[in-house]
Amino acid sequence: MTPPLFWVDEVAAAGEQATVSGSEGRHAVTVTRIRRGQTVILGDGRGTFADCEVLDTSGKDRLSVRVGRVEFVTRPKPLVTIVQALPKSERSELAVDLMTEAGVDVIVPWQASRCVARWAGSKAERGVDKWRSAAATAAKQARRPWIPEIADLATTMDVRDRCARVVGDGGMVALLHEEGATPFRSLDFAGAPEIVMVIGPEGGLDPAEIADLTALGGTSVVLGPEVLRTAAAGAVALGALGAVTDRWSR
């Protein structure tokens, strides 16, 4: 079984001693019950991680380790951004969890026109913070070297600007829609430096949103024969993408 992963601000050099404290130390000592002599992984969430030997624990939240092999893992290519329309509250963090475990690089929360959930003011800040926390937790569970970036809440104009930039830079934009004209498996991802997949809310993408984003170079795509919940669509699409690109080559 892969050793458990814990986040630190910076990964120390091989041979050095390091201390894990705070919430991560508490999780290691009190929840996971790590003990002297065990192996753990420390990561910074930015691609660097290290195999470490546990030297000692103290109190309820301090773990002392000796750093062994240190490795830097580059992000997989192509870079994948998912623009996720806000799901209903009970499924909001589930969507982030599933996409993170499936390997997403960037998640953009989007206030689409048909969203039932509405974020504004401090609610938007709290919502983004919860998504970032969910992404860090899921990345730890999945033993990911990179914690996905969670962008600030986006308007449709923000999404439009992002998609236009990606298309202009030679990337691809796919709008996942049950009435999409193009099968996902027929897309040619070769050479695309970045892929943006746009996922609507429970009520689906609005026709005006589809028309606007396809006019910018996006493609309306059907993922498969089943109609997926918005919380699951991103993870399923990432799995399909991993199988047809080099993202799963490692």
C-alpha atoms as a PDB file:
ATOM      1  CA  MET A   1       0.000   0.000   0.000  1.00  0.00           C
ATOM      2  CA  THR A   2       1.251   3.484  -0.855  1.00  0.00           C
ATOM      3  CA  PRO A   3       2.362   5.437   2.238  1.00  0.00           C
ATOM      4  CA  PRO A   4       0.081   8.294   3.328  1.00  0.00           C
ATOM      5  CA  LEU A   5       0.753  11.777   1.970  1.00  0.00           C
ATOM      6  CA  PHE A   6       0.845  14.958   4.058  1.00  0.00           C
ATOM      7  CA  TRP A   7       1.167  18.534   2.837  1.00  0.00           C
ATOM      8  CA  VAL A   8       3.954  20.917   3.900  1.00  0.00           C
ATOM      9  CA  ASP A   9       4.801  24.426   2.745  1.00  0.00           C
ATOM     10  CA  GLU A  10       8.237  23.361   1.504  1.00  0.00           C
ATOM     11  CA  VAL A  11       9.793  19.910   1.077  1.00  0.00           C
ATOM     12  CA  ALA A  12      13.200  19.706   2.776  1.00  0.00           C
ATOM     13  CA  ALA A  13      16.265  18.358   0.972  1.00  0.00           C
ATOM     14  CA  ALA A  14      17.205  14.691   1.082  1.00  0.00           C
ATOM     15  CA  GLY A  15      18.928  13.754   4.348  1.00  0.00           C
ATOM     16  CA  GLU A  16      17.463  16.636   6.330  1.00  0.00           C
ATOM     17  CA  GLN A  17      15.010  16.378   9.203  1.00  0.00           C
ATOM     18  CA  ALA A  18      11.585  17.991   8.963  1.00  0.00           C
ATOM     19  CA  THR A  19       8.582  18.509  11.213  1.00  0.00           C
ATOM     20  CA  VAL A  20       4.935  18.214  10.251  1.00  0.00           C
ATOM     21  CA  SER A  21       2.636  20.143  12.585  1.00  0.00           C
ATOM     22  CA  GLY A  22      -0.694  21.949  12.625  1.00  0.00           C
ATOM     23  CA  SER A  23      -3.682  20.336  10.965  1.00  0.00           C
ATOM     24  CA  GLU A  24      -1.514  18.010   8.859  1.00  0.00           C
ATOM     25  CA  GLY A  25       0.454  16.919  11.918  1.00  0.00           C
ATOM     26  CA  ARG A  26      -2.784  16.305  13.804  1.00  0.00           C
ATOM     27  CA  HIS A  27      -4.137  14.221  10.957  1.00  0.00           C
ATOM     28  CA  ALA A  28      -0.921  12.188  10.850  1.00  0.00           C
ATOM     29  CA  VAL A  29      -0.598  11.578  14.601  1.00  0.00           C
ATOM     30  CA  THR A  30      -4.171  11.512  15.868  1.00  0.00           C
ATOM     31  CA  VAL A  31      -6.242  10.355  12.894  1.00  0.00           C
ATOM     32  CA  THR A  32      -3.885   8.186  10.843  1.00  0.00           C
ATOM     33  CA  ARG A  33      -1.918   7.138  13.972  1.00  0.00           C
ATOM     34  CA  ILE A  34       1.472   7.283  12.297  1.00  0.00           C
ATOM     35  CA  ARG A  35       4.242   5.846  14.464  1.00  0.00           C
ATOM     36  CA  ARG A  36       8.042   5.828  14.596  1.00  0.00           C
ATOM     37  CA  GLY A  37       9.681   3.754  11.866  1.00  0.00           C
ATOM     38  CA  GLN A  38       6.832   4.097   9.359  1.00  0.00           C
ATOM     39  CA  THR A  39       7.205   5.674   5.922  1.00  0.00           C
ATOM     40  CA  VAL A  40       5.205   8.744   4.872  1.00  0.00           C
ATOM     41  CA  ILE A  41       5.241  11.031   1.849  1.00  0.00           C
ATOM     42  CA  LEU A  42       5.587  14.799   2.210  1.00  0.00           C
ATOM     43  CA  GLY A  43       4.473  17.013  -0.654  1.00  0.00           C
ATOM     44  CA  ASP A  44       4.146  20.725  -1.314  1.00  0.00           C
ATOM     45  CA  GLY A  45       1.218  20.410  -3.724  1.00  0.00           C
ATOM     46  CA  ARG A  46       3.332  22.010  -6.461  1.00  0.00           C
ATOM     47  CA  GLY A  47       4.971  18.894  -7.869  1.00  0.00           C
ATOM     48  CA  THR A  48       7.656  18.126  -5.270  1.00  0.00           C
ATOM     49  CA  PHE A  49       7.319  15.196  -2.907  1.00  0.00           C
ATOM     50  CA  ALA A  50       9.619  13.019  -0.789  1.00  0.00           C
ATOM     51  CA  ASP A  51       9.678   9.595   0.843  1.00  0.00           C
ATOM     52  CA  CYS A  52      10.352  10.075   4.552  1.00  0.00           C
ATOM     53  CA  GLU A  53      11.077   7.900   7.581  1.00  0.00           C
ATOM     54  CA  VAL A  54       9.206   8.807  10.746  1.00  0.00           C
ATOM     55  CA  LEU A  55      11.663   9.493  13.575  1.00  0.00           C
ATOM     56  CA  ASP A  56       9.240  10.393  16.349  1.00  0.00           C
ATOM     57  CA  THR A  57       5.841  11.830  17.239  1.00  0.00           C
ATOM     58  CA  SER A  58       4.991  14.211  20.065  1.00  0.00           C
ATOM     59  CA  GLY A  59       1.707  15.410  21.484  1.00  0.00           C
ATOM     60  CA  LYS A  60      -1.289  15.185  19.195  1.00  0.00           C
ATOM     61  CA  ASP A  61       0.033  17.109  16.221  1.00  0.00           C
ATOM     62  CA  ARG A  62       3.804  16.861  15.688  1.00  0.00           C
ATOM     63  CA  LEU A  63       5.607  14.412  13.462  1.00  0.00           C
ATOM     64  CA  SER A  64       9.412  14.379  13.001  1.00  0.00           C
ATOM     65  CA  VAL A  65      10.799  12.737   9.862  1.00  0.00           C
ATOM     66  CA  ARG A  66      14.043  12.212   7.980  1.00  0.00           C
ATOM     67  CA  VAL A  67      13.698  13.088   4.311  1.00  0.00           C
ATOM     68  CA  GLY A  68      14.778  10.423   1.833  1.00  0.00           C
ATOM     69  CA  ARG A  69      14.335  10.471  -1.943  1.00  0.00           C
ATOM     70  CA  VAL A  70      12.995  13.777  -3.259  1.00  0.00           C
ATOM     71  CA  GLU A  71      11.320  13.950  -6.661  1.00  0.00           C
ATOM     72  CA  PHE A  72       9.722  16.644  -8.799  1.00  0.00           C
ATOM     73  CA  VAL A  73       6.877  15.590 -11.089  1.00  0.00           C
ATOM     74  CA  THR A  74       5.869  17.892 -13.926  1.00  0.00           C
ATOM     75  CA  ARG A  75       2.214  18.436 -14.669  1.00  0.00           C
ATOM     76  CA  PRO A  76       0.784  15.959 -17.188  1.00  0.00           C
ATOM     77  CA  LYS A  77       0.130  17.253 -20.690  1.00  0.00           C
ATOM     78  CA  PRO A  78      -2.061  18.578 -22.092  1.00  0.00           C
ATOM     79  CA  LEU A  79      -3.146  20.866 -19.272  1.00  0.00           C
ATOM     80  CA  VAL A  80      -6.832  20.303 -18.485  1.00  0.00           C
ATOM     81  CA  THR A  81      -9.136  22.987 -17.141  1.00  0.00           C
ATOM     82  CA  ILE A  82     -12.727  22.180 -16.233  1.00  0.00           C
ATOM     83  CA  VAL A  83     -15.212  25.013 -16.090  1.00  0.00           C
ATOM     84  CA  GLN A  84     -17.774  23.619 -13.659  1.00  0.00           C
ATOM     85  CA  ALA A  85     -21.161  25.298 -13.363  1.00  0.00           C
ATOM     86  CA  LEU A  86     -22.118  25.436  -9.692  1.00  0.00           C
ATOM     87  CA  PRO A  87     -23.897  22.214  -8.693  1.00  0.00           C
ATOM     88  CA  LYS A  88     -26.544  22.110  -5.993  1.00  0.00           C
ATOM     89  CA  SER A  89     -24.966  22.540  -2.568  1.00  0.00           C
ATOM     90  CA  GLU A  90     -25.066  18.880  -1.560  1.00  0.00           C
ATOM     91  CA  ARG A  91     -23.064  17.893  -4.646  1.00  0.00           C
ATOM     92  CA  SER A  92     -20.782  20.887  -4.953  1.00  0.00           C
ATOM     93  CA  GLU A  93     -17.730  19.566  -3.111  1.00  0.00           C
ATOM     94  CA  LEU A  94     -18.348  16.038  -4.440  1.00  0.00           C
ATOM     95  CA  ALA A  95     -17.734  17.345  -7.963  1.00  0.00           C
ATOM     96  CA  VAL A  96     -14.403  18.849  -6.884  1.00  0.00           C
ATOM     97  CA  ASP A  97     -13.400  15.651  -5.069  1.00  0.00           C
ATOM     98  CA  LEU A  98     -14.107  13.435  -8.091  1.00  0.00           C
ATOM     99  CA  MET A  99     -12.400  15.729 -10.606  1.00  0.00           C
ATOM    100  CA  THR A 100      -9.324  16.035  -8.393  1.00  0.00           C
ATOM    101  CA  GLU A 101      -8.995  12.265  -8.007  1.00  0.00           C
ATOM    102  CA  ALA A 102      -9.375  11.936 -11.790  1.00  0.00           C
ATOM    103  CA  GLY A 103      -6.484  14.349 -12.431  1.00  0.00           C
ATOM    104  CA  VAL A 104      -7.848  17.801 -13.274  1.00  0.00           C
ATOM    105  CA  ASP A 105      -5.315  20.655 -13.312  1.00  0.00           C
ATOM    106  CA  VAL A 106      -7.577  23.694 -12.938  1.00  0.00           C
ATOM    107  CA  ILE A 107     -11.205  23.991 -11.825  1.00  0.00           C
ATOM    108  CA  VAL A 108     -13.165  27.149 -12.563  1.00  0.00           C
ATOM    109  CA  PRO A 109     -16.414  27.548 -10.586  1.00  0.00           C
ATOM    110  CA  TRP A 110     -18.942  29.160 -12.932  1.00  0.00           C
ATOM    111  CA  GLN A 111     -22.172  31.012 -12.199  1.00  0.00           C
ATOM    112  CA  ALA A 112     -23.980  29.738 -15.299  1.00  0.00           C
ATOM    113  CA  SER A 113     -27.423  31.053 -16.185  1.00  0.00           C
ATOM    114  CA  ARG A 114     -29.247  27.860 -15.203  1.00  0.00           C
ATOM    115  CA  CYS A 115     -27.471  27.305 -11.876  1.00  0.00           C
ATOM    116  CA  VAL A 116     -29.827  26.721  -8.967  1.00  0.00           C
ATOM    117  CA  ALA A 117     -27.001  27.548  -6.562  1.00  0.00           C
ATOM    118  CA  ARG A 118     -26.190  31.241  -6.370  1.00  0.00           C
ATOM    119  CA  TRP A 119     -22.909  32.532  -4.968  1.00  0.00           C
ATOM    120  CA  ALA A 120     -22.457  36.220  -4.226  1.00  0.00           C
ATOM    121  CA  GLY A 121     -20.284  38.314  -1.923  1.00  0.00           C
ATOM    122  CA  SER A 122     -19.019  36.429   1.115  1.00  0.00           C
ATOM    123  CA  LYS A 123     -20.862  33.288   0.003  1.00  0.00           C
ATOM    124  CA  ALA A 124     -18.691  33.191  -3.115  1.00  0.00           C
ATOM    125  CA  GLU A 125     -15.531  33.511  -1.001  1.00  0.00           C
ATOM    126  CA  ARG A 126     -16.666  30.723   1.331  1.00  0.00           C
ATOM    127  CA  GLY A 127     -17.643  28.534  -1.598  1.00  0.00           C
ATOM    128  CA  VAL A 128     -14.238  28.913  -3.282  1.00  0.00           C
ATOM    129  CA  ASP A 129     -12.467  28.249   0.023  1.00  0.00           C
ATOM    130  CA  LYS A 130     -14.474  25.031   0.484  1.00  0.00           C
ATOM    131  CA  TRP A 131     -13.581  23.916  -3.048  1.00  0.00           C
ATOM    132  CA  ARG A 132      -9.884  24.579  -2.383  1.00  0.00           C
ATOM    133  CA  SER A 133     -10.026  22.597   0.844  1.00  0.00           C
ATOM    134  CA  ALA A 134     -11.845  19.741  -0.911  1.00  0.00           C
ATOM    135  CA  ALA A 135      -9.232  19.731  -3.693  1.00  0.00           C
ATOM    136  CA  ALA A 136      -6.326  19.558  -1.218  1.00  0.00           C
ATOM    137  CA  THR A 137      -7.971  16.704   0.692  1.00  0.00           C
ATOM    138  CA  ALA A 138      -8.780  14.741  -2.463  1.00  0.00           C
ATOM    139  CA  ALA A 139      -5.285  15.272  -3.904  1.00  0.00           C
ATOM    140  CA  LYS A 140      -3.826  13.892  -0.674  1.00  0.00           C
ATOM    141  CA  GLN A 141      -6.093  10.852  -0.846  1.00  0.00           C
ATOM    142  CA  ALA A 142      -5.107  10.278  -4.492  1.00  0.00           C
ATOM    143  CA  ARG A 143      -1.366  10.762  -3.722  1.00  0.00           C
ATOM    144  CA  ARG A 144      -1.189  13.537  -6.317  1.00  0.00           C
ATOM    145  CA  PRO A 145       2.003  15.641  -6.497  1.00  0.00           C
ATOM    146  CA  TRP A 146      -0.081  18.629  -7.638  1.00  0.00           C
ATOM    147  CA  ILE A 147      -3.099  20.139  -5.913  1.00  0.00           C
ATOM    148  CA  PRO A 148      -5.365  21.474  -8.657  1.00  0.00           C
ATOM    149  CA  GLU A 149      -5.804  25.207  -8.889  1.00  0.00           C
ATOM    150  CA  ILE A 150      -9.261  26.438  -7.928  1.00  0.00           C
ATOM    151  CA  ALA A 151      -9.974  29.748  -9.645  1.00  0.00           C
ATOM    152  CA  ASP A 152     -12.182  32.490  -8.263  1.00  0.00           C
ATOM    153  CA  LEU A 153     -15.874  32.402  -9.134  1.00  0.00           C
ATOM    154  CA  ALA A 154     -16.274  33.120 -12.860  1.00  0.00           C
ATOM    155  CA  THR A 155     -19.013  34.936 -14.719  1.00  0.00           C
ATOM    156  CA  THR A 156     -19.991  33.866 -18.216  1.00  0.00           C
ATOM    157  CA  MET A 157     -17.869  36.723 -19.561  1.00  0.00           C
ATOM    158  CA  ASP A 158     -14.880  35.347 -17.624  1.00  0.00           C
ATOM    159  CA  VAL A 159     -15.490  31.901 -19.132  1.00  0.00           C
ATOM    160  CA  ARG A 160     -15.827  33.427 -22.572  1.00  0.00           C
ATOM    161  CA  ASP A 161     -12.487  35.236 -22.201  1.00  0.00           C
ATOM    162  CA  ARG A 162     -10.742  32.081 -20.958  1.00  0.00           C
ATOM    163  CA  CYS A 163     -12.067  29.957 -23.822  1.00  0.00           C
ATOM    164  CA  ALA A 164     -11.118  32.582 -26.414  1.00  0.00           C
ATOM    165  CA  ARG A 165      -7.568  32.697 -25.032  1.00  0.00           C
ATOM    166  CA  VAL A 166      -7.187  28.910 -25.069  1.00  0.00           C
ATOM    167  CA  VAL A 167      -8.473  28.602 -28.641  1.00  0.00           C
ATOM    168  CA  GLY A 168      -6.231  31.488 -29.702  1.00  0.00           C
ATOM    169  CA  ASP A 169      -3.229  29.680 -28.219  1.00  0.00           C
ATOM    170  CA  GLY A 170      -3.974  26.487 -30.159  1.00  0.00           C
ATOM    171  CA  GLY A 171      -5.912  24.687 -27.433  1.00  0.00           C
ATOM    172  CA  MET A 172      -9.335  23.046 -27.492  1.00  0.00           C
ATOM    173  CA  VAL A 173     -12.653  23.865 -25.835  1.00  0.00           C
ATOM    174  CA  ALA A 174     -15.259  21.115 -25.450  1.00  0.00           C
ATOM    175  CA  LEU A 175     -18.782  21.844 -24.224  1.00  0.00           C
ATOM    176  CA  LEU A 176     -20.141  18.677 -22.627  1.00  0.00           C
ATOM    177  CA  HIS A 177     -23.797  18.531 -23.578  1.00  0.00           C
ATOM    178  CA  GLU A 178     -26.240  15.647 -23.928  1.00  0.00           C
ATOM    179  CA  GLU A 179     -27.342  16.997 -27.314  1.00  0.00           C
ATOM    180  CA  GLY A 180     -23.803  17.653 -28.507  1.00  0.00           C
ATOM    181  CA  ALA A 181     -23.278  17.000 -32.194  1.00  0.00           C
ATOM    182  CA  THR A 182     -19.735  15.604 -31.900  1.00  0.00           C
ATOM    183  CA  PRO A 183     -18.853  12.348 -30.085  1.00  0.00           C
ATOM    184  CA  PHE A 184     -16.085  12.864 -27.524  1.00  0.00           C
ATOM    185  CA  ARG A 185     -14.109   9.923 -28.927  1.00  0.00           C
ATOM    186  CA  SER A 186     -13.847  11.614 -32.332  1.00  0.00           C
ATOM    187  CA  LEU A 187     -12.000  14.685 -31.049  1.00  0.00           C
ATOM    188  CA  ASP A 188      -8.346  14.990 -32.043  1.00  0.00           C
ATOM    189  CA  PHE A 189      -6.416  16.211 -28.995  1.00  0.00           C
ATOM    190  CA  ALA A 190      -2.979  15.801 -30.596  1.00  0.00           C
ATOM    191  CA  GLY A 191      -0.835  18.888 -30.173  1.00  0.00           C
ATOM    192  CA  ALA A 192      -3.297  20.808 -27.998  1.00  0.00           C
ATOM    193  CA  PRO A 193      -1.364  22.506 -25.168  1.00  0.00           C
ATOM    194  CA  GLU A 194      -4.507  23.006 -23.101  1.00  0.00           C
ATOM    195  CA  ILE A 195      -8.007  21.571 -23.086  1.00  0.00           C
ATOM    196  CA  VAL A 196     -10.976  23.295 -21.501  1.00  0.00           C
ATOM    197  CA  MET A 197     -14.084  21.252 -20.796  1.00  0.00           C
ATOM    198  CA  VAL A 198     -17.217  23.214 -19.930  1.00  0.00           C
ATOM    199  CA  ILE A 199     -19.841  21.461 -17.809  1.00  0.00           C
ATOM    200  CA  GLY A 200     -23.286  22.892 -17.216  1.00  0.00           C
ATOM    201  CA  PRO A 201     -25.450  22.691 -14.077  1.00  0.00           C
ATOM    202  CA  GLU A 202     -28.285  20.241 -13.390  1.00  0.00           C
ATOM    203  CA  GLY A 203     -30.444  21.966 -16.001  1.00  0.00           C
ATOM    204  CA  GLY A 204     -27.721  21.780 -18.640  1.00  0.00           C
ATOM    205  CA  LEU A 205     -26.036  24.496 -20.665  1.00  0.00           C
ATOM    206  CA  ASP A 206     -28.276  27.292 -21.895  1.00  0.00           C
ATOM    207  CA  PRO A 207     -28.577  27.446 -25.713  1.00  0.00           C
ATOM    208  CA  ALA A 208     -27.222  31.009 -25.659  1.00  0.00           C
ATOM    209  CA  GLU A 209     -24.127  29.836 -23.761  1.00  0.00           C
ATOM    210  CA  ILE A 210     -23.570  27.028 -26.263  1.00  0.00           C
ATOM    211  CA  ALA A 211     -23.974  29.397 -29.210  1.00  0.00           C
ATOM    212  CA  ASP A 212     -21.615  31.963 -27.692  1.00  0.00           C
ATOM    213  CA  LEU A 213     -18.841  29.508 -26.813  1.00  0.00           C
ATOM    214  CA  THR A 214     -19.040  27.573 -30.095  1.00  0.00           C
ATOM    215  CA  ALA A 215     -18.781  30.875 -31.971  1.00  0.00           C
ATOM    216  CA  LEU A 216     -15.456  31.358 -30.181  1.00  0.00           C
ATOM    217  CA  GLY A 217     -14.171  27.999 -31.431  1.00  0.00           C
ATOM    218  CA  GLY A 218     -15.590  25.574 -28.878  1.00  0.00           C
ATOM    219  CA  THR A 219     -17.132  22.231 -29.863  1.00  0.00           C
ATOM    220  CA  SER A 220     -20.424  20.907 -28.493  1.00  0.00           C
ATOM    221  CA  VAL A 221     -19.609  17.329 -27.449  1.00  0.00           C
ATOM    222  CA  VAL A 222     -21.580  14.322 -26.257  1.00  0.00           C
ATOM    223  CA  LEU A 223     -19.541  12.186 -23.850  1.00  0.00           C
ATOM    224  CA  GLY A 224     -21.524   8.972 -24.125  1.00  0.00           C
ATOM    225  CA  PRO A 225     -25.005   7.441 -24.267  1.00  0.00           C
ATOM    226  CA  GLU A 226     -25.829   8.087 -20.599  1.00  0.00           C
ATOM    227  CA  VAL A 227     -26.942  11.421 -19.177  1.00  0.00           C
ATOM    228  CA  LEU A 228     -24.538  12.140 -16.325  1.00  0.00           C
ATOM    229  CA  ARG A 229     -25.107  14.241 -13.235  1.00  0.00           C
ATOM    230  CA  THR A 230     -23.094  17.437 -13.322  1.00  0.00           C
ATOM    231  CA  ALA A 231     -21.047  16.297 -10.297  1.00  0.00           C
ATOM    232  CA  ALA A 232     -19.856  13.163 -12.123  1.00  0.00           C
ATOM    233  CA  ALA A 233     -19.431  14.472 -15.673  1.00  0.00           C
ATOM    234  CA  GLY A 234     -15.994  16.023 -15.110  1.00  0.00           C
ATOM    235  CA  ALA A 235     -14.470  12.881 -13.622  1.00  0.00           C
ATOM    236  CA  VAL A 236     -15.873  10.689 -16.408  1.00  0.00           C
ATOM    237  CA  ALA A 237     -14.569  13.088 -19.064  1.00  0.00           C
ATOM    238  CA  LEU A 238     -11.124  13.144 -17.440  1.00  0.00           C
ATOM    239  CA  GLY A 239     -11.032   9.348 -17.485  1.00  0.00           C
ATOM    240  CA  ALA A 240     -11.925   9.293 -21.179  1.00  0.00           C
ATOM    241  CA  LEU A 241      -9.288  11.942 -21.884  1.00  0.00           C
ATOM    242  CA  GLY A 242      -6.611  10.081 -19.960  1.00  0.00           C
ATOM    243  CA  ALA A 243      -7.164   7.017 -22.128  1.00  0.00           C
ATOM    244  CA  VAL A 244      -6.759   8.864 -25.445  1.00  0.00           C
ATOM    245  CA  THR A 245      -3.868  11.208 -24.559  1.00  0.00           C
ATOM    246  CA  ASP A 246      -0.498  10.833 -22.810  1.00  0.00           C
ATOM    247  CA  ARG A 247      -1.843  12.093 -19.479  1.00  0.00           C
ATOM    248  CA  TRP A 248      -1.914   8.556 -18.067  1.00  0.00           C
ATOM    249  CA  SER A 249       1.488   7.565 -19.437  1.00  0.00           C
ATOM    250  CA  ARG A 250       3.217   7.844 -16.050  1.00  0.00           C
END
